[in-house]
């Protein structure tokens, strides 16, 4: 693999770390767990501090699902483009 200048990437370059990370199935599971934990934290904090209704909670959940899906697509695009 080469950089945009045609030079090979040196060993230990961030590009190889990114490829290893995106190829690792443990990363994908950890990524999913991160989004679930983030959503749970945001919902409990918002519910406790602001006493929001259920419809607002559903909107927050929908937005988090969209954000999680987009971040998975970004990982897939990064993996496919390199």
N, C-alpha and C. Protein backbone atom coordinates (compact mmCIF):
# COMPACT_ATOMS: atom_id res chain seq x y z
N UNK A 1 0.84 -1.16 0.00
CA UNK A 1 0.00 0.00 0.00
C UNK A 1 0.89 1.24 0.00
N UNK A 2 0.40 2.26 -0.66
CA UNK A 2 1.22 3.45 -0.82
C UNK A 2 0.44 4.70 -0.44
N UNK A 3 1.18 5.71 -0.07
CA UNK A 3 0.57 6.99 0.25
C UNK A 3 0.20 7.71 -1.04
N UNK A 4 -0.37 8.89 -0.91
CA UNK A 4 -0.77 9.64 -2.10
C UNK A 4 0.44 10.10 -2.91
N UNK A 5 1.62 10.09 -2.31
CA UNK A 5 2.83 10.46 -3.03
C UNK A 5 3.52 9.25 -3.67
N UNK A 6 2.92 8.06 -3.55
CA UNK A 6 3.50 6.86 -4.13
C UNK A 6 4.53 6.19 -3.25
N UNK A 7 4.73 6.69 -2.05
CA UNK A 7 5.70 6.10 -1.14
C UNK A 7 5.02 5.03 -0.30
N UNK A 8 5.71 3.96 0.02
CA UNK A 8 5.09 2.94 0.87
C UNK A 8 4.92 3.45 2.30
N UNK A 9 3.86 2.98 2.95
CA UNK A 9 3.65 3.36 4.34
C UNK A 9 4.69 2.64 5.20
N UNK A 10 5.28 3.32 6.16
CA UNK A 10 6.25 2.65 7.03
C UNK A 10 5.53 1.72 8.00
N UNK A 11 6.25 0.74 8.50
CA UNK A 11 5.68 -0.18 9.49
C UNK A 11 5.29 0.62 10.72
N UNK A 12 4.16 0.28 11.31
CA UNK A 12 3.67 0.98 12.48
C UNK A 12 2.91 2.25 12.15
N UNK A 13 2.66 2.50 10.88
CA UNK A 13 1.92 3.69 10.47
C UNK A 13 0.46 3.54 10.91
N UNK A 14 -0.23 4.66 11.11
CA UNK A 14 -1.62 4.62 11.57
C UNK A 14 -2.52 3.88 10.60
N UNK A 15 -2.16 3.87 9.31
CA UNK A 15 -3.00 3.20 8.32
C UNK A 15 -3.10 1.71 8.60
N UNK A 16 -1.99 1.08 8.96
CA UNK A 16 -2.02 -0.34 9.27
C UNK A 16 -2.79 -0.60 10.55
N UNK A 17 -2.69 0.29 11.50
CA UNK A 17 -3.46 0.14 12.73
C UNK A 17 -4.96 0.22 12.44
N UNK A 18 -5.35 1.13 11.55
CA UNK A 18 -6.76 1.26 11.19
C UNK A 18 -7.26 0.01 10.49
N UNK A 19 -6.47 -0.54 9.58
CA UNK A 19 -6.88 -1.76 8.89
C UNK A 19 -7.02 -2.92 9.87
N UNK A 20 -6.07 -3.07 10.78
CA UNK A 20 -6.16 -4.13 11.77
C UNK A 20 -7.39 -3.95 12.65
N UNK A 21 -7.68 -2.72 13.00
CA UNK A 21 -8.83 -2.44 13.84
C UNK A 21 -10.14 -2.77 13.13
N UNK A 22 -10.26 -2.37 11.87
CA UNK A 22 -11.50 -2.61 11.14
C UNK A 22 -11.68 -4.08 10.78
N UNK A 23 -10.59 -4.84 10.71
CA UNK A 23 -10.69 -6.27 10.43
C UNK A 23 -10.97 -7.10 11.68
N UNK A 24 -10.85 -6.49 12.83
CA UNK A 24 -11.00 -7.21 14.08
C UNK A 24 -12.48 -7.29 14.48
N UNK A 25 -13.04 -8.52 14.60
CA UNK A 25 -14.46 -8.62 14.98
C UNK A 25 -14.73 -8.15 16.41
N UNK A 26 -13.71 -8.20 17.26
CA UNK A 26 -13.89 -7.72 18.63
C UNK A 26 -14.16 -6.22 18.63
N UNK A 27 -13.53 -5.50 17.69
CA UNK A 27 -13.76 -4.06 17.59
C UNK A 27 -15.23 -3.78 17.27
N UNK A 28 -15.80 -4.55 16.35
CA UNK A 28 -17.20 -4.30 15.97
C UNK A 28 -18.14 -4.56 17.16
N UNK A 29 -17.86 -5.60 17.92
CA UNK A 29 -18.69 -5.87 19.11
C UNK A 29 -18.51 -4.75 20.13
N UNK A 30 -17.26 -4.33 20.34
CA UNK A 30 -16.99 -3.24 21.28
C UNK A 30 -17.63 -1.94 20.82
N UNK A 31 -17.62 -1.72 19.52
CA UNK A 31 -18.23 -0.53 18.94
C UNK A 31 -19.73 -0.52 19.23
N UNK A 32 -20.38 -1.67 19.04
CA UNK A 32 -21.81 -1.78 19.30
C UNK A 32 -22.10 -1.58 20.79
N UNK A 33 -21.30 -2.20 21.64
CA UNK A 33 -21.48 -2.05 23.08
C UNK A 33 -21.29 -0.60 23.51
N UNK A 34 -20.33 0.08 22.89
CA UNK A 34 -20.12 1.50 23.19
C UNK A 34 -21.37 2.31 22.89
N UNK A 35 -21.99 2.08 21.72
CA UNK A 35 -23.18 2.85 21.36
C UNK A 35 -24.37 2.52 22.26
N UNK A 36 -24.50 1.26 22.64
CA UNK A 36 -25.60 0.89 23.55
C UNK A 36 -25.39 1.54 24.91
N UNK A 37 -24.15 1.49 25.41
CA UNK A 37 -23.87 2.10 26.71
C UNK A 37 -24.05 3.62 26.66
N UNK A 38 -23.63 4.24 25.57
CA UNK A 38 -23.81 5.68 25.42
C UNK A 38 -25.29 6.05 25.41
N UNK A 39 -26.08 5.29 24.66
CA UNK A 39 -27.52 5.54 24.61
C UNK A 39 -28.18 5.36 25.97
N UNK A 40 -27.80 4.30 26.66
CA UNK A 40 -28.36 4.05 27.98
C UNK A 40 -28.00 5.17 28.95
N UNK A 41 -26.75 5.60 28.90
CA UNK A 41 -26.31 6.70 29.78
C UNK A 41 -27.06 7.99 29.47
N UNK A 42 -27.18 8.32 28.19
CA UNK A 42 -27.88 9.56 27.82
C UNK A 42 -29.35 9.52 28.22
N UNK A 43 -29.99 8.38 28.01
CA UNK A 43 -31.41 8.29 28.36
C UNK A 43 -31.63 8.37 29.86
N UNK A 44 -30.83 7.66 30.64
CA UNK A 44 -31.03 7.70 32.09
C UNK A 44 -30.71 9.08 32.65
N UNK A 45 -29.66 9.72 32.12
CA UNK A 45 -29.31 11.06 32.59
C UNK A 45 -30.40 12.06 32.22
N UNK A 46 -30.86 12.01 30.99
CA UNK A 46 -31.90 12.94 30.55
C UNK A 46 -33.20 12.71 31.31
N UNK A 47 -33.53 11.45 31.54
CA UNK A 47 -34.78 11.15 32.24
C UNK A 47 -34.70 11.59 33.70
N UNK A 48 -33.55 11.38 34.33
CA UNK A 48 -33.39 11.74 35.73
C UNK A 48 -33.36 13.26 35.92
N UNK A 49 -32.64 13.96 35.06
CA UNK A 49 -32.47 15.40 35.26
C UNK A 49 -33.64 16.22 34.73
N UNK A 50 -34.20 15.80 33.61
CA UNK A 50 -35.21 16.63 32.95
C UNK A 50 -36.61 16.05 33.01
N UNK A 51 -36.75 14.80 33.45
CA UNK A 51 -38.04 14.13 33.52
C UNK A 51 -38.79 14.24 32.19
N UNK A 52 -38.16 13.77 31.14
CA UNK A 52 -38.71 13.90 29.79
C UNK A 52 -39.78 12.84 29.54
N UNK A 53 -40.74 13.13 28.67
CA UNK A 53 -41.77 12.13 28.35
C UNK A 53 -41.22 11.01 27.46
N UNK A 54 -42.02 9.96 27.34
CA UNK A 54 -41.59 8.79 26.57
C UNK A 54 -41.38 9.10 25.09
N UNK A 55 -42.16 10.00 24.54
CA UNK A 55 -42.01 10.31 23.12
C UNK A 55 -40.64 10.94 22.84
N UNK A 56 -40.16 11.77 23.75
CA UNK A 56 -38.84 12.36 23.58
C UNK A 56 -37.77 11.28 23.71
N UNK A 57 -37.98 10.34 24.63
CA UNK A 57 -37.04 9.22 24.76
C UNK A 57 -36.98 8.42 23.46
N UNK A 58 -38.12 8.19 22.84
CA UNK A 58 -38.14 7.45 21.58
C UNK A 58 -37.40 8.20 20.48
N UNK A 59 -37.54 9.52 20.46
CA UNK A 59 -36.81 10.32 19.47
C UNK A 59 -35.31 10.23 19.71
N UNK A 60 -34.90 10.29 20.97
CA UNK A 60 -33.48 10.16 21.29
C UNK A 60 -32.96 8.79 20.87
N UNK A 61 -33.73 7.74 21.13
CA UNK A 61 -33.33 6.39 20.73
C UNK A 61 -33.21 6.31 19.21
N UNK A 62 -34.16 6.88 18.49
CA UNK A 62 -34.11 6.85 17.03
C UNK A 62 -32.88 7.59 16.51
N UNK A 63 -32.58 8.74 17.09
CA UNK A 63 -31.40 9.49 16.67
C UNK A 63 -30.11 8.72 16.96
N UNK A 64 -30.05 8.05 18.10
CA UNK A 64 -28.87 7.25 18.42
C UNK A 64 -28.72 6.06 17.47
N UNK A 65 -29.84 5.45 17.09
CA UNK A 65 -29.77 4.34 16.13
C UNK A 65 -29.27 4.84 14.78
N UNK A 66 -29.75 5.99 14.36
CA UNK A 66 -29.28 6.57 13.09
C UNK A 66 -27.79 6.88 13.17
N UNK A 67 -27.36 7.47 14.28
CA UNK A 67 -25.94 7.79 14.45
C UNK A 67 -25.08 6.53 14.48
N UNK A 68 -25.56 5.49 15.16
CA UNK A 68 -24.83 4.23 15.21
C UNK A 68 -24.73 3.61 13.82
N UNK A 69 -25.81 3.63 13.07
CA UNK A 69 -25.81 3.07 11.72
C UNK A 69 -24.85 3.84 10.81
N UNK A 70 -24.87 5.15 10.89
CA UNK A 70 -23.95 5.95 10.08
C UNK A 70 -22.50 5.70 10.45
N UNK A 71 -22.23 5.50 11.72
CA UNK A 71 -20.84 5.23 12.11
C UNK A 71 -20.40 3.85 11.64
N UNK A 72 -21.32 2.86 11.62
CA UNK A 72 -20.97 1.55 11.06
C UNK A 72 -20.71 1.67 9.56
N UNK A 73 -21.52 2.46 8.87
CA UNK A 73 -21.28 2.69 7.44
C UNK A 73 -19.94 3.37 7.20
N UNK A 74 -19.58 4.31 8.06
CA UNK A 74 -18.29 4.97 7.94
C UNK A 74 -17.15 3.97 8.10
N UNK A 75 -17.29 3.06 9.06
CA UNK A 75 -16.27 2.02 9.23
C UNK A 75 -16.20 1.13 7.99
N UNK A 76 -17.35 0.78 7.43
CA UNK A 76 -17.35 -0.06 6.23
C UNK A 76 -16.74 0.68 5.04
N UNK A 77 -17.02 1.96 4.91
CA UNK A 77 -16.44 2.75 3.81
C UNK A 77 -14.93 2.85 3.98
N UNK A 78 -14.48 3.10 5.20
CA UNK A 78 -13.04 3.17 5.45
C UNK A 78 -12.36 1.85 5.12
N UNK A 79 -13.00 0.76 5.51
CA UNK A 79 -12.42 -0.56 5.25
C UNK A 79 -12.37 -0.84 3.75
N UNK A 80 -13.41 -0.46 3.02
CA UNK A 80 -13.47 -0.74 1.58
C UNK A 80 -12.55 0.17 0.78
N UNK A 81 -12.35 1.39 1.25
CA UNK A 81 -11.57 2.34 0.45
C UNK A 81 -10.07 2.12 0.57
N UNK A 82 -9.65 1.43 1.61
CA UNK A 82 -8.22 1.19 1.76
C UNK A 82 -7.95 -0.24 1.39
